[in-house]
PDBML (XML) file of the C-alpha atoms, coordinates in Angstrom:
<?xml version="1.0" encoding="UTF-8" ?>
<PDBx:datablock datablockName="MODEL"
   xmlns:PDBx="http://pdbml.pdb.org/schema/pdbx-v50.xsd"
   xmlns:xsi="http://www.w3.org/2001/XMLSchema-instance"
   xsi:schemaLocation="http://pdbml.pdb.org/schema/pdbx-v50.xsd pdbx-v50.xsd">
   <PDBx:atom_siteCategory>
      <PDBx:atom_site id="1">
         <PDBx:B_iso_or_equiv>0.00</PDBx:B_iso_or_equiv>
         <PDBx:Cartn_x>19.505</PDBx:Cartn_x>
         <PDBx:Cartn_y>-42.344</PDBx:Cartn_y>
         <PDBx:Cartn_z>-57.419</PDBx:Cartn_z>
         <PDBx:auth_asym_id>A</PDBx:auth_asym_id>
         <PDBx:auth_atom_id>CA</PDBx:auth_atom_id>
         <PDBx:auth_comp_id>VAL</PDBx:auth_comp_id>
         <PDBx:auth_seq_id>1</PDBx:auth_seq_id>
         <PDBx:group_PDB>ATOM</PDBx:group_PDB>
         <PDBx:label_alt_id xsi:nil="true" />
         <PDBx:label_asym_id>A</PDBx:label_asym_id>
         <PDBx:label_atom_id>CA</PDBx:label_atom_id>
         <PDBx:label_comp_id>VAL</PDBx:label_comp_id>
         <PDBx:label_entity_id>1</PDBx:label_entity_id>
         <PDBx:label_seq_id>1</PDBx:label_seq_id>
         <PDBx:occupancy>1.00</PDBx:occupancy>
         <PDBx:pdbx_PDB_model_num>1</PDBx:pdbx_PDB_model_num>
         <PDBx:type_symbol>C</PDBx:type_symbol>
      </PDBx:atom_site>
      <PDBx:atom_site id="2">
         <PDBx:B_iso_or_equiv>0.00</PDBx:B_iso_or_equiv>
         <PDBx:Cartn_x>17.615</PDBx:Cartn_x>
         <PDBx:Cartn_y>-45.491</PDBx:Cartn_y>
         <PDBx:Cartn_z>-56.558</PDBx:Cartn_z>
         <PDBx:auth_asym_id>A</PDBx:auth_asym_id>
         <PDBx:auth_atom_id>CA</PDBx:auth_atom_id>
         <PDBx:auth_comp_id>ARG</PDBx:auth_comp_id>
         <PDBx:auth_seq_id>2</PDBx:auth_seq_id>
         <PDBx:group_PDB>ATOM</PDBx:group_PDB>
         <PDBx:label_alt_id xsi:nil="true" />
         <PDBx:label_asym_id>A</PDBx:label_asym_id>
         <PDBx:label_atom_id>CA</PDBx:label_atom_id>
         <PDBx:label_comp_id>ARG</PDBx:label_comp_id>
         <PDBx:label_entity_id>1</PDBx:label_entity_id>
         <PDBx:label_seq_id>2</PDBx:label_seq_id>
         <PDBx:occupancy>1.00</PDBx:occupancy>
         <PDBx:pdbx_PDB_model_num>1</PDBx:pdbx_PDB_model_num>
         <PDBx:type_symbol>C</PDBx:type_symbol>
      </PDBx:atom_site>
      <PDBx:atom_site id="3">
         <PDBx:B_iso_or_equiv>0.00</PDBx:B_iso_or_equiv>
         <PDBx:Cartn_x>18.192</PDBx:Cartn_x>
         <PDBx:Cartn_y>-46.932</PDBx:Cartn_y>
         <PDBx:Cartn_z>-53.095</PDBx:Cartn_z>
         <PDBx:auth_asym_id>A</PDBx:auth_asym_id>
         <PDBx:auth_atom_id>CA</PDBx:auth_atom_id>
         <PDBx:auth_comp_id>TYR</PDBx:auth_comp_id>
         <PDBx:auth_seq_id>3</PDBx:auth_seq_id>
         <PDBx:group_PDB>ATOM</PDBx:group_PDB>
         <PDBx:label_alt_id xsi:nil="true" />
         <PDBx:label_asym_id>A</PDBx:label_asym_id>
         <PDBx:label_atom_id>CA</PDBx:label_atom_id>
         <PDBx:label_comp_id>TYR</PDBx:label_comp_id>
         <PDBx:label_entity_id>1</PDBx:label_entity_id>
         <PDBx:label_seq_id>3</PDBx:label_seq_id>
         <PDBx:occupancy>1.00</PDBx:occupancy>
         <PDBx:pdbx_PDB_model_num>1</PDBx:pdbx_PDB_model_num>
         <PDBx:type_symbol>C</PDBx:type_symbol>
      </PDBx:atom_site>
      <PDBx:atom_site id="4">
         <PDBx:B_iso_or_equiv>0.00</PDBx:B_iso_or_equiv>
         <PDBx:Cartn_x>15.586</PDBx:Cartn_x>
         <PDBx:Cartn_y>-49.644</PDBx:Cartn_y>
         <PDBx:Cartn_z>-53.295</PDBx:Cartn_z>
         <PDBx:auth_asym_id>A</PDBx:auth_asym_id>
         <PDBx:auth_atom_id>CA</PDBx:auth_atom_id>
         <PDBx:auth_comp_id>ARG</PDBx:auth_comp_id>
         <PDBx:auth_seq_id>4</PDBx:auth_seq_id>
         <PDBx:group_PDB>ATOM</PDBx:group_PDB>
         <PDBx:label_alt_id xsi:nil="true" />
         <PDBx:label_asym_id>A</PDBx:label_asym_id>
         <PDBx:label_atom_id>CA</PDBx:label_atom_id>
         <PDBx:label_comp_id>ARG</PDBx:label_comp_id>
         <PDBx:label_entity_id>1</PDBx:label_entity_id>
         <PDBx:label_seq_id>4</PDBx:label_seq_id>
         <PDBx:occupancy>1.00</PDBx:occupancy>
         <PDBx:pdbx_PDB_model_num>1</PDBx:pdbx_PDB_model_num>
         <PDBx:type_symbol>C</PDBx:type_symbol>
      </PDBx:atom_site>
      <PDBx:atom_site id="5">
         <PDBx:B_iso_or_equiv>0.00</PDBx:B_iso_or_equiv>
         <PDBx:Cartn_x>16.691</PDBx:Cartn_x>
         <PDBx:Cartn_y>-53.202</PDBx:Cartn_y>
         <PDBx:Cartn_z>-54.140</PDBx:Cartn_z>
         <PDBx:auth_asym_id>A</PDBx:auth_asym_id>
         <PDBx:auth_atom_id>CA</PDBx:auth_atom_id>
         <PDBx:auth_comp_id>PRO</PDBx:auth_comp_id>
         <PDBx:auth_seq_id>5</PDBx:auth_seq_id>
         <PDBx:group_PDB>ATOM</PDBx:group_PDB>
         <PDBx:label_alt_id xsi:nil="true" />
         <PDBx:label_asym_id>A</PDBx:label_asym_id>
         <PDBx:label_atom_id>CA</PDBx:label_atom_id>
         <PDBx:label_comp_id>PRO</PDBx:label_comp_id>
         <PDBx:label_entity_id>1</PDBx:label_entity_id>
         <PDBx:label_seq_id>5</PDBx:label_seq_id>
         <PDBx:occupancy>1.00</PDBx:occupancy>
         <PDBx:pdbx_PDB_model_num>1</PDBx:pdbx_PDB_model_num>
         <PDBx:type_symbol>C</PDBx:type_symbol>
      </PDBx:atom_site>
      <PDBx:atom_site id="6">
         <PDBx:B_iso_or_equiv>0.00</PDBx:B_iso_or_equiv>
         <PDBx:Cartn_x>17.535</PDBx:Cartn_x>
         <PDBx:Cartn_y>-53.616</PDBx:Cartn_y>
         <PDBx:Cartn_z>-57.765</PDBx:Cartn_z>
         <PDBx:auth_asym_id>A</PDBx:auth_asym_id>
         <PDBx:auth_atom_id>CA</PDBx:auth_atom_id>
         <PDBx:auth_comp_id>TYR</PDBx:auth_comp_id>
         <PDBx:auth_seq_id>6</PDBx:auth_seq_id>
         <PDBx:group_PDB>ATOM</PDBx:group_PDB>
         <PDBx:label_alt_id xsi:nil="true" />
         <PDBx:label_asym_id>A</PDBx:label_asym_id>
         <PDBx:label_atom_id>CA</PDBx:label_atom_id>
         <PDBx:label_comp_id>TYR</PDBx:label_comp_id>
         <PDBx:label_entity_id>1</PDBx:label_entity_id>
         <PDBx:label_seq_id>6</PDBx:label_seq_id>
         <PDBx:occupancy>1.00</PDBx:occupancy>
         <PDBx:pdbx_PDB_model_num>1</PDBx:pdbx_PDB_model_num>
         <PDBx:type_symbol>C</PDBx:type_symbol>
      </PDBx:atom_site>
      <PDBx:atom_site id="7">
         <PDBx:B_iso_or_equiv>0.00</PDBx:B_iso_or_equiv>
         <PDBx:Cartn_x>18.351</PDBx:Cartn_x>
         <PDBx:Cartn_y>-56.333</PDBx:Cartn_y>
         <PDBx:Cartn_z>-60.248</PDBx:Cartn_z>
         <PDBx:auth_asym_id>A</PDBx:auth_asym_id>
         <PDBx:auth_atom_id>CA</PDBx:auth_atom_id>
         <PDBx:auth_comp_id>SER</PDBx:auth_comp_id>
         <PDBx:auth_seq_id>7</PDBx:auth_seq_id>
         <PDBx:group_PDB>ATOM</PDBx:group_PDB>
         <PDBx:label_alt_id xsi:nil="true" />
         <PDBx:label_asym_id>A</PDBx:label_asym_id>
         <PDBx:label_atom_id>CA</PDBx:label_atom_id>
         <PDBx:label_comp_id>SER</PDBx:label_comp_id>
         <PDBx:label_entity_id>1</PDBx:label_entity_id>
         <PDBx:label_seq_id>7</PDBx:label_seq_id>
         <PDBx:occupancy>1.00</PDBx:occupancy>
         <PDBx:pdbx_PDB_model_num>1</PDBx:pdbx_PDB_model_num>
         <PDBx:type_symbol>C</PDBx:type_symbol>
      </PDBx:atom_site>
      <PDBx:atom_site id="8">
         <PDBx:B_iso_or_equiv>0.00</PDBx:B_iso_or_equiv>
         <PDBx:Cartn_x>20.159</PDBx:Cartn_x>
         <PDBx:Cartn_y>-56.523</PDBx:Cartn_y>
         <PDBx:Cartn_z>-63.551</PDBx:Cartn_z>
         <PDBx:auth_asym_id>A</PDBx:auth_asym_id>
         <PDBx:auth_atom_id>CA</PDBx:auth_atom_id>
         <PDBx:auth_comp_id>SER</PDBx:auth_comp_id>
         <PDBx:auth_seq_id>8</PDBx:auth_seq_id>
         <PDBx:group_PDB>ATOM</PDBx:group_PDB>
         <PDBx:label_alt_id xsi:nil="true" />
         <PDBx:label_asym_id>A</PDBx:label_asym_id>
         <PDBx:label_atom_id>CA</PDBx:label_atom_id>
         <PDBx:label_comp_id>SER</PDBx:label_comp_id>
         <PDBx:label_entity_id>1</PDBx:label_entity_id>
         <PDBx:label_seq_id>8</PDBx:label_seq_id>
         <PDBx:occupancy>1.00</PDBx:occupancy>
         <PDBx:pdbx_PDB_model_num>1</PDBx:pdbx_PDB_model_num>
         <PDBx:type_symbol>C</PDBx:type_symbol>
      </PDBx:atom_site>
      <PDBx:atom_site id="9">
         <PDBx:B_iso_or_equiv>0.00</PDBx:B_iso_or_equiv>
         <PDBx:Cartn_x>17.617</PDBx:Cartn_x>
         <PDBx:Cartn_y>-54.539</PDBx:Cartn_y>
         <PDBx:Cartn_z>-65.477</PDBx:Cartn_z>
         <PDBx:auth_asym_id>A</PDBx:auth_asym_id>
         <PDBx:auth_atom_id>CA</PDBx:auth_atom_id>
         <PDBx:auth_comp_id>THR</PDBx:auth_comp_id>
         <PDBx:auth_seq_id>9</PDBx:auth_seq_id>
         <PDBx:group_PDB>ATOM</PDBx:group_PDB>
         <PDBx:label_alt_id xsi:nil="true" />
         <PDBx:label_asym_id>A</PDBx:label_asym_id>
         <PDBx:label_atom_id>CA</PDBx:label_atom_id>
         <PDBx:label_comp_id>THR</PDBx:label_comp_id>
         <PDBx:label_entity_id>1</PDBx:label_entity_id>
         <PDBx:label_seq_id>9</PDBx:label_seq_id>
         <PDBx:occupancy>1.00</PDBx:occupancy>
         <PDBx:pdbx_PDB_model_num>1</PDBx:pdbx_PDB_model_num>
         <PDBx:type_symbol>C</PDBx:type_symbol>
      </PDBx:atom_site>
      <PDBx:atom_site id="10">
         <PDBx:B_iso_or_equiv>0.00</PDBx:B_iso_or_equiv>
         <PDBx:Cartn_x>17.126</PDBx:Cartn_x>
         <PDBx:Cartn_y>-50.949</PDBx:Cartn_y>
         <PDBx:Cartn_z>-66.544</PDBx:Cartn_z>
         <PDBx:auth_asym_id>A</PDBx:auth_asym_id>
         <PDBx:auth_atom_id>CA</PDBx:auth_atom_id>
         <PDBx:auth_comp_id>SER</PDBx:auth_comp_id>
         <PDBx:auth_seq_id>10</PDBx:auth_seq_id>
         <PDBx:group_PDB>ATOM</PDBx:group_PDB>
         <PDBx:label_alt_id xsi:nil="true" />
         <PDBx:label_asym_id>A</PDBx:label_asym_id>
         <PDBx:label_atom_id>CA</PDBx:label_atom_id>
         <PDBx:label_comp_id>SER</PDBx:label_comp_id>
         <PDBx:label_entity_id>1</PDBx:label_entity_id>
         <PDBx:label_seq_id>10</PDBx:label_seq_id>
         <PDBx:occupancy>1.00</PDBx:occupancy>
         <PDBx:pdbx_PDB_model_num>1</PDBx:pdbx_PDB_model_num>
         <PDBx:type_symbol>C</PDBx:type_symbol>
      </PDBx:atom_site>
      <PDBx:atom_site id="11">
         <PDBx:B_iso_or_equiv>0.00</PDBx:B_iso_or_equiv>
         <PDBx:Cartn_x>14.892</PDBx:Cartn_x>
         <PDBx:Cartn_y>-48.617</PDBx:Cartn_y>
         <PDBx:Cartn_z>-64.590</PDBx:Cartn_z>
         <PDBx:auth_asym_id>A</PDBx:auth_asym_id>
         <PDBx:auth_atom_id>CA</PDBx:auth_atom_id>
         <PDBx:auth_comp_id>TYR</PDBx:auth_comp_id>
         <PDBx:auth_seq_id>11</PDBx:auth_seq_id>
         <PDBx:group_PDB>ATOM</PDBx:group_PDB>
         <PDBx:label_alt_id xsi:nil="true" />
         <PDBx:label_asym_id>A</PDBx:label_asym_id>
         <PDBx:label_atom_id>CA</PDBx:label_atom_id>
         <PDBx:label_comp_id>TYR</PDBx:label_comp_id>
         <PDBx:label_entity_id>1</PDBx:label_entity_id>
         <PDBx:label_seq_id>11</PDBx:label_seq_id>
         <PDBx:occupancy>1.00</PDBx:occupancy>
         <PDBx:pdbx_PDB_model_num>1</PDBx:pdbx_PDB_model_num>
         <PDBx:type_symbol>C</PDBx:type_symbol>
      </PDBx:atom_site>
      <PDBx:atom_site id="12">
         <PDBx:B_iso_or_equiv>0.00</PDBx:B_iso_or_equiv>
         <PDBx:Cartn_x>13.469</PDBx:Cartn_x>
         <PDBx:Cartn_y>-46.079</PDBx:Cartn_y>
         <PDBx:Cartn_z>-67.009</PDBx:Cartn_z>
         <PDBx:auth_asym_id>A</PDBx:auth_asym_id>
         <PDBx:auth_atom_id>CA</PDBx:auth_atom_id>
         <PDBx:auth_comp_id>ARG</PDBx:auth_comp_id>
         <PDBx:auth_seq_id>12</PDBx:auth_seq_id>
         <PDBx:group_PDB>ATOM</PDBx:group_PDB>
         <PDBx:label_alt_id xsi:nil="true" />
         <PDBx:label_asym_id>A</PDBx:label_asym_id>
         <PDBx:label_atom_id>CA</PDBx:label_atom_id>
         <PDBx:label_comp_id>ARG</PDBx:label_comp_id>
         <PDBx:label_entity_id>1</PDBx:label_entity_id>
         <PDBx:label_seq_id>12</PDBx:label_seq_id>
         <PDBx:occupancy>1.00</PDBx:occupancy>
         <PDBx:pdbx_PDB_model_num>1</PDBx:pdbx_PDB_model_num>
         <PDBx:type_symbol>C</PDBx:type_symbol>
      </PDBx:atom_site>
      <PDBx:atom_site id="13">
         <PDBx:B_iso_or_equiv>0.00</PDBx:B_iso_or_equiv>
         <PDBx:Cartn_x>10.637</PDBx:Cartn_x>
         <PDBx:Cartn_y>-44.525</PDBx:Cartn_y>
         <PDBx:Cartn_z>-65.093</PDBx:Cartn_z>
         <PDBx:auth_asym_id>A</PDBx:auth_asym_id>
         <PDBx:auth_atom_id>CA</PDBx:auth_atom_id>
         <PDBx:auth_comp_id>GLY</PDBx:auth_comp_id>
         <PDBx:auth_seq_id>13</PDBx:auth_seq_id>
         <PDBx:group_PDB>ATOM</PDBx:group_PDB>
         <PDBx:label_alt_id xsi:nil="true" />
         <PDBx:label_asym_id>A</PDBx:label_asym_id>
         <PDBx:label_atom_id>CA</PDBx:label_atom_id>
         <PDBx:label_comp_id>GLY</PDBx:label_comp_id>
         <PDBx:label_entity_id>1</PDBx:label_entity_id>
         <PDBx:label_seq_id>13</PDBx:label_seq_id>
         <PDBx:occupancy>1.00</PDBx:occupancy>
         <PDBx:pdbx_PDB_model_num>1</PDBx:pdbx_PDB_model_num>
         <PDBx:type_symbol>C</PDBx:type_symbol>
      </PDBx:atom_site>
      <PDBx:atom_site id="14">
         <PDBx:B_iso_or_equiv>0.00</PDBx:B_iso_or_equiv>
         <PDBx:Cartn_x>10.902</PDBx:Cartn_x>
         <PDBx:Cartn_y>-41.526</PDBx:Cartn_y>
         <PDBx:Cartn_z>-62.832</PDBx:Cartn_z>
         <PDBx:auth_asym_id>A</PDBx:auth_asym_id>
         <PDBx:auth_atom_id>CA</PDBx:auth_atom_id>
         <PDBx:auth_comp_id>GLY</PDBx:auth_comp_id>
         <PDBx:auth_seq_id>14</PDBx:auth_seq_id>
         <PDBx:group_PDB>ATOM</PDBx:group_PDB>
         <PDBx:label_alt_id xsi:nil="true" />
         <PDBx:label_asym_id>A</PDBx:label_asym_id>
         <PDBx:label_atom_id>CA</PDBx:label_atom_id>
         <PDBx:label_comp_id>GLY</PDBx:label_comp_id>
         <PDBx:label_entity_id>1</PDBx:label_entity_id>
         <PDBx:label_seq_id>14</PDBx:label_seq_id>
         <PDBx:occupancy>1.00</PDBx:occupancy>
         <PDBx:pdbx_PDB_model_num>1</PDBx:pdbx_PDB_model_num>
         <PDBx:type_symbol>C</PDBx:type_symbol>
      </PDBx:atom_site>
      <PDBx:atom_site id="15">
         <PDBx:B_iso_or_equiv>0.00</PDBx:B_iso_or_equiv>
         <PDBx:Cartn_x>9.102</PDBx:Cartn_x>
         <PDBx:Cartn_y>-43.478</PDBx:Cartn_y>
         <PDBx:Cartn_z>-60.133</PDBx:Cartn_z>
         <PDBx:auth_asym_id>A</PDBx:auth_asym_id>
         <PDBx:auth_atom_id>CA</PDBx:auth_atom_id>
         <PDBx:auth_comp_id>GLY</PDBx:auth_comp_id>
         <PDBx:auth_seq_id>15</PDBx:auth_seq_id>
         <PDBx:group_PDB>ATOM</PDBx:group_PDB>
         <PDBx:label_alt_id xsi:nil="true" />
         <PDBx:label_asym_id>A</PDBx:label_asym_id>
         <PDBx:label_atom_id>CA</PDBx:label_atom_id>
         <PDBx:label_comp_id>GLY</PDBx:label_comp_id>
         <PDBx:label_entity_id>1</PDBx:label_entity_id>
         <PDBx:label_seq_id>15</PDBx:label_seq_id>
         <PDBx:occupancy>1.00</PDBx:occupancy>
         <PDBx:pdbx_PDB_model_num>1</PDBx:pdbx_PDB_model_num>
         <PDBx:type_symbol>C</PDBx:type_symbol>
      </PDBx:atom_site>
      <PDBx:atom_site id="16">
         <PDBx:B_iso_or_equiv>0.00</PDBx:B_iso_or_equiv>
         <PDBx:Cartn_x>11.898</PDBx:Cartn_x>
         <PDBx:Cartn_y>-46.044</PDBx:Cartn_y>
         <PDBx:Cartn_z>-60.113</PDBx:Cartn_z>
         <PDBx:auth_asym_id>A</PDBx:auth_asym_id>
         <PDBx:auth_atom_id>CA</PDBx:auth_atom_id>
         <PDBx:auth_comp_id>ASP</PDBx:auth_comp_id>
         <PDBx:auth_seq_id>16</PDBx:auth_seq_id>
         <PDBx:group_PDB>ATOM</PDBx:group_PDB>
         <PDBx:label_alt_id xsi:nil="true" />
         <PDBx:label_asym_id>A</PDBx:label_asym_id>
         <PDBx:label_atom_id>CA</PDBx:label_atom_id>
         <PDBx:label_comp_id>ASP</PDBx:label_comp_id>
         <PDBx:label_entity_id>1</PDBx:label_entity_id>
         <PDBx:label_seq_id>16</PDBx:label_seq_id>
         <PDBx:occupancy>1.00</PDBx:occupancy>
         <PDBx:pdbx_PDB_model_num>1</PDBx:pdbx_PDB_model_num>
         <PDBx:type_symbol>C</PDBx:type_symbol>
      </PDBx:atom_site>
      <PDBx:atom_site id="17">
         <PDBx:B_iso_or_equiv>0.00</PDBx:B_iso_or_equiv>
         <PDBx:Cartn_x>14.246</PDBx:Cartn_x>
         <PDBx:Cartn_y>-43.545</PDBx:Cartn_y>
         <PDBx:Cartn_z>-58.490</PDBx:Cartn_z>
         <PDBx:auth_asym_id>A</PDBx:auth_asym_id>
         <PDBx:auth_atom_id>CA</PDBx:auth_atom_id>
         <PDBx:auth_comp_id>PHE</PDBx:auth_comp_id>
         <PDBx:auth_seq_id>17</PDBx:auth_seq_id>
         <PDBx:group_PDB>ATOM</PDBx:group_PDB>
         <PDBx:label_alt_id xsi:nil="true" />
         <PDBx:label_asym_id>A</PDBx:label_asym_id>
         <PDBx:label_atom_id>CA</PDBx:label_atom_id>
         <PDBx:label_comp_id>PHE</PDBx:label_comp_id>
         <PDBx:label_entity_id>1</PDBx:label_entity_id>
         <PDBx:label_seq_id>17</PDBx:label_seq_id>
         <PDBx:occupancy>1.00</PDBx:occupancy>
         <PDBx:pdbx_PDB_model_num>1</PDBx:pdbx_PDB_model_num>
         <PDBx:type_symbol>C</PDBx:type_symbol>
      </PDBx:atom_site>
      <PDBx:atom_site id="18">
         <PDBx:B_iso_or_equiv>0.00</PDBx:B_iso_or_equiv>
         <PDBx:Cartn_x>14.179</PDBx:Cartn_x>
         <PDBx:Cartn_y>-42.096</PDBx:Cartn_y>
         <PDBx:Cartn_z>-54.993</PDBx:Cartn_z>
         <PDBx:auth_asym_id>A</PDBx:auth_asym_id>
         <PDBx:auth_atom_id>CA</PDBx:auth_atom_id>
         <PDBx:auth_comp_id>ASP</PDBx:auth_comp_id>
         <PDBx:auth_seq_id>18</PDBx:auth_seq_id>
         <PDBx:group_PDB>ATOM</PDBx:group_PDB>
         <PDBx:label_alt_id xsi:nil="true" />
         <PDBx:label_asym_id>A</PDBx:label_asym_id>
         <PDBx:label_atom_id>CA</PDBx:label_atom_id>
         <PDBx:label_comp_id>ASP</PDBx:label_comp_id>
         <PDBx:label_entity_id>1</PDBx:label_entity_id>
         <PDBx:label_seq_id>18</PDBx:label_seq_id>
         <PDBx:occupancy>1.00</PDBx:occupancy>
         <PDBx:pdbx_PDB_model_num>1</PDBx:pdbx_PDB_model_num>
         <PDBx:type_symbol>C</PDBx:type_symbol>
      </PDBx:atom_site>
      <PDBx:atom_site id="19">
         <PDBx:B_iso_or_equiv>0.00</PDBx:B_iso_or_equiv>
         <PDBx:Cartn_x>16.158</PDBx:Cartn_x>
         <PDBx:Cartn_y>-38.850</PDBx:Cartn_y>
         <PDBx:Cartn_z>-55.046</PDBx:Cartn_z>
         <PDBx:auth_asym_id>A</PDBx:auth_asym_id>
         <PDBx:auth_atom_id>CA</PDBx:auth_atom_id>
         <PDBx:auth_comp_id>TYR</PDBx:auth_comp_id>
         <PDBx:auth_seq_id>19</PDBx:auth_seq_id>
         <PDBx:group_PDB>ATOM</PDBx:group_PDB>
         <PDBx:label_alt_id xsi:nil="true" />
         <PDBx:label_asym_id>A</PDBx:label_asym_id>
         <PDBx:label_atom_id>CA</PDBx:label_atom_id>
         <PDBx:label_comp_id>TYR</PDBx:label_comp_id>
         <PDBx:label_entity_id>1</PDBx:label_entity_id>
         <PDBx:label_seq_id>19</PDBx:label_seq_id>
         <PDBx:occupancy>1.00</PDBx:occupancy>
         <PDBx:pdbx_PDB_model_num>1</PDBx:pdbx_PDB_model_num>
         <PDBx:type_symbol>C</PDBx:type_symbol>
      </PDBx:atom_site>
      <PDBx:atom_site id="20">
         <PDBx:B_iso_or_equiv>0.00</PDBx:B_iso_or_equiv>
         <PDBx:Cartn_x>16.777</PDBx:Cartn_x>
         <PDBx:Cartn_y>-36.264</PDBx:Cartn_y>
         <PDBx:Cartn_z>-57.740</PDBx:Cartn_z>
         <PDBx:auth_asym_id>A</PDBx:auth_asym_id>
         <PDBx:auth_atom_id>CA</PDBx:auth_atom_id>
         <PDBx:auth_comp_id>TRP</PDBx:auth_comp_id>
         <PDBx:auth_seq_id>20</PDBx:auth_seq_id>
         <PDBx:group_PDB>ATOM</PDBx:group_PDB>
         <PDBx:label_alt_id xsi:nil="true" />
         <PDBx:label_asym_id>A</PDBx:label_asym_id>
         <PDBx:label_atom_id>CA</PDBx:label_atom_id>
         <PDBx:label_comp_id>TRP</PDBx:label_comp_id>
         <PDBx:label_entity_id>1</PDBx:label_entity_id>
         <PDBx:label_seq_id>20</PDBx:label_seq_id>
         <PDBx:occupancy>1.00</PDBx:occupancy>
         <PDBx:pdbx_PDB_model_num>1</PDBx:pdbx_PDB_model_num>
         <PDBx:type_symbol>C</PDBx:type_symbol>
      </PDBx:atom_site>
      <PDBx:atom_site id="21">
         <PDBx:B_iso_or_equiv>0.00</PDBx:B_iso_or_equiv>
         <PDBx:Cartn_x>19.207</PDBx:Cartn_x>
         <PDBx:Cartn_y>-33.472</PDBx:Cartn_y>
         <PDBx:Cartn_z>-58.382</PDBx:Cartn_z>
         <PDBx:auth_asym_id>A</PDBx:auth_asym_id>
         <PDBx:auth_atom_id>CA</PDBx:auth_atom_id>
         <PDBx:auth_comp_id>GLY</PDBx:auth_comp_id>
         <PDBx:auth_seq_id>21</PDBx:auth_seq_id>
         <PDBx:group_PDB>ATOM</PDBx:group_PDB>
         <PDBx:label_alt_id xsi:nil="true" />
         <PDBx:label_asym_id>A</PDBx:label_asym_id>
         <PDBx:label_atom_id>CA</PDBx:label_atom_id>
         <PDBx:label_comp_id>GLY</PDBx:label_comp_id>
         <PDBx:label_entity_id>1</PDBx:label_entity_id>
         <PDBx:label_seq_id>21</PDBx:label_seq_id>
         <PDBx:occupancy>1.00</PDBx:occupancy>
         <PDBx:pdbx_PDB_model_num>1</PDBx:pdbx_PDB_model_num>
         <PDBx:type_symbol>C</PDBx:type_symbol>
      </PDBx:atom_site>
      <PDBx:atom_site id="22">
         <PDBx:B_iso_or_equiv>0.00</PDBx:B_iso_or_equiv>
         <PDBx:Cartn_x>18.207</PDBx:Cartn_x>
         <PDBx:Cartn_y>-29.944</PDBx:Cartn_y>
         <PDBx:Cartn_z>-59.280</PDBx:Cartn_z>
         <PDBx:auth_asym_id>A</PDBx:auth_asym_id>
         <PDBx:auth_atom_id>CA</PDBx:auth_atom_id>
         <PDBx:auth_comp_id>GLN</PDBx:auth_comp_id>
         <PDBx:auth_seq_id>22</PDBx:auth_seq_id>
         <PDBx:group_PDB>ATOM</PDBx:group_PDB>
         <PDBx:label_alt_id xsi:nil="true" />
         <PDBx:label_asym_id>A</PDBx:label_asym_id>
         <PDBx:label_atom_id>CA</PDBx:label_atom_id>
         <PDBx:label_comp_id>GLN</PDBx:label_comp_id>
         <PDBx:label_entity_id>1</PDBx:label_entity_id>
         <PDBx:label_seq_id>22</PDBx:label_seq_id>
         <PDBx:occupancy>1.00</PDBx:occupancy>
         <PDBx:pdbx_PDB_model_num>1</PDBx:pdbx_PDB_model_num>
         <PDBx:type_symbol>C</PDBx:type_symbol>
      </PDBx:atom_site>
      <PDBx:atom_site id="23">
         <PDBx:B_iso_or_equiv>0.00</PDBx:B_iso_or_equiv>
         <PDBx:Cartn_x>19.121</PDBx:Cartn_x>
         <PDBx:Cartn_y>-30.337</PDBx:Cartn_y>
         <PDBx:Cartn_z>-62.940</PDBx:Cartn_z>
         <PDBx:auth_asym_id>A</PDBx:auth_asym_id>
         <PDBx:auth_atom_id>CA</PDBx:auth_atom_id>
         <PDBx:auth_comp_id>GLY</PDBx:auth_comp_id>
         <PDBx:auth_seq_id>23</PDBx:auth_seq_id>
         <PDBx:group_PDB>ATOM</PDBx:group_PDB>
         <PDBx:label_alt_id xsi:nil="true" />
         <PDBx:label_asym_id>A</PDBx:label_asym_id>
         <PDBx:label_atom_id>CA</PDBx:label_atom_id>
         <PDBx:label_comp_id>GLY</PDBx:label_comp_id>
         <PDBx:label_entity_id>1</PDBx:label_entity_id>
         <PDBx:label_seq_id>23</PDBx:label_seq_id>
         <PDBx:occupancy>1.00</PDBx:occupancy>
         <PDBx:pdbx_PDB_model_num>1</PDBx:pdbx_PDB_model_num>
         <PDBx:type_symbol>C</PDBx:type_symbol>
      </PDBx:atom_site>
      <PDBx:atom_site id="24">
         <PDBx:B_iso_or_equiv>0.00</PDBx:B_iso_or_equiv>
         <PDBx:Cartn_x>21.674</PDBx:Cartn_x>
         <PDBx:Cartn_y>-28.753</PDBx:Cartn_y>
         <PDBx:Cartn_z>-65.235</PDBx:Cartn_z>
         <PDBx:auth_asym_id>A</PDBx:auth_asym_id>
         <PDBx:auth_atom_id>CA</PDBx:auth_atom_id>
         <PDBx:auth_comp_id>THR</PDBx:auth_comp_id>
         <PDBx:auth_seq_id>24</PDBx:auth_seq_id>
         <PDBx:group_PDB>ATOM</PDBx:group_PDB>
         <PDBx:label_alt_id xsi:nil="true" />
         <PDBx:label_asym_id>A</PDBx:label_asym_id>
         <PDBx:label_atom_id>CA</PDBx:label_atom_id>
         <PDBx:label_comp_id>THR</PDBx:label_comp_id>
         <PDBx:label_entity_id>1</PDBx:label_entity_id>
         <PDBx:label_seq_id>24</PDBx:label_seq_id>
         <PDBx:occupancy>1.00</PDBx:occupancy>
         <PDBx:pdbx_PDB_model_num>1</PDBx:pdbx_PDB_model_num>
         <PDBx:type_symbol>C</PDBx:type_symbol>
      </PDBx:atom_site>
      <PDBx:atom_site id="25">
         <PDBx:B_iso_or_equiv>0.00</PDBx:B_iso_or_equiv>
         <PDBx:Cartn_x>20.856</PDBx:Cartn_x>
         <PDBx:Cartn_y>-27.073</PDBx:Cartn_y>
         <PDBx:Cartn_z>-68.539</PDBx:Cartn_z>
         <PDBx:auth_asym_id>A</PDBx:auth_asym_id>
         <PDBx:auth_atom_id>CA</PDBx:auth_atom_id>
         <PDBx:auth_comp_id>GLN</PDBx:auth_comp_id>
         <PDBx:auth_seq_id>25</PDBx:auth_seq_id>
         <PDBx:group_PDB>ATOM</PDBx:group_PDB>
         <PDBx:label_alt_id xsi:nil="true" />
         <PDBx:label_asym_id>A</PDBx:label_asym_id>
         <PDBx:label_atom_id>CA</PDBx:label_atom_id>
         <PDBx:label_comp_id>GLN</PDBx:label_comp_id>
         <PDBx:label_entity_id>1</PDBx:label_entity_id>
         <PDBx:label_seq_id>25</PDBx:label_seq_id>
         <PDBx:occupancy>1.00</PDBx:occupancy>
         <PDBx:pdbx_PDB_model_num>1</PDBx:pdbx_PDB_model_num>
         <PDBx:type_symbol>C</PDBx:type_symbol>
      </PDBx:atom_site>
   </PDBx:atom_siteCategory>
</PDBx:datablock>
């Protein structure tokens, strides 16, 4: 999830997002 301001564009880098889940295989 990204909580920073965003615009109508795609965010494709890991650094563009703020929180992560634990993952599912």
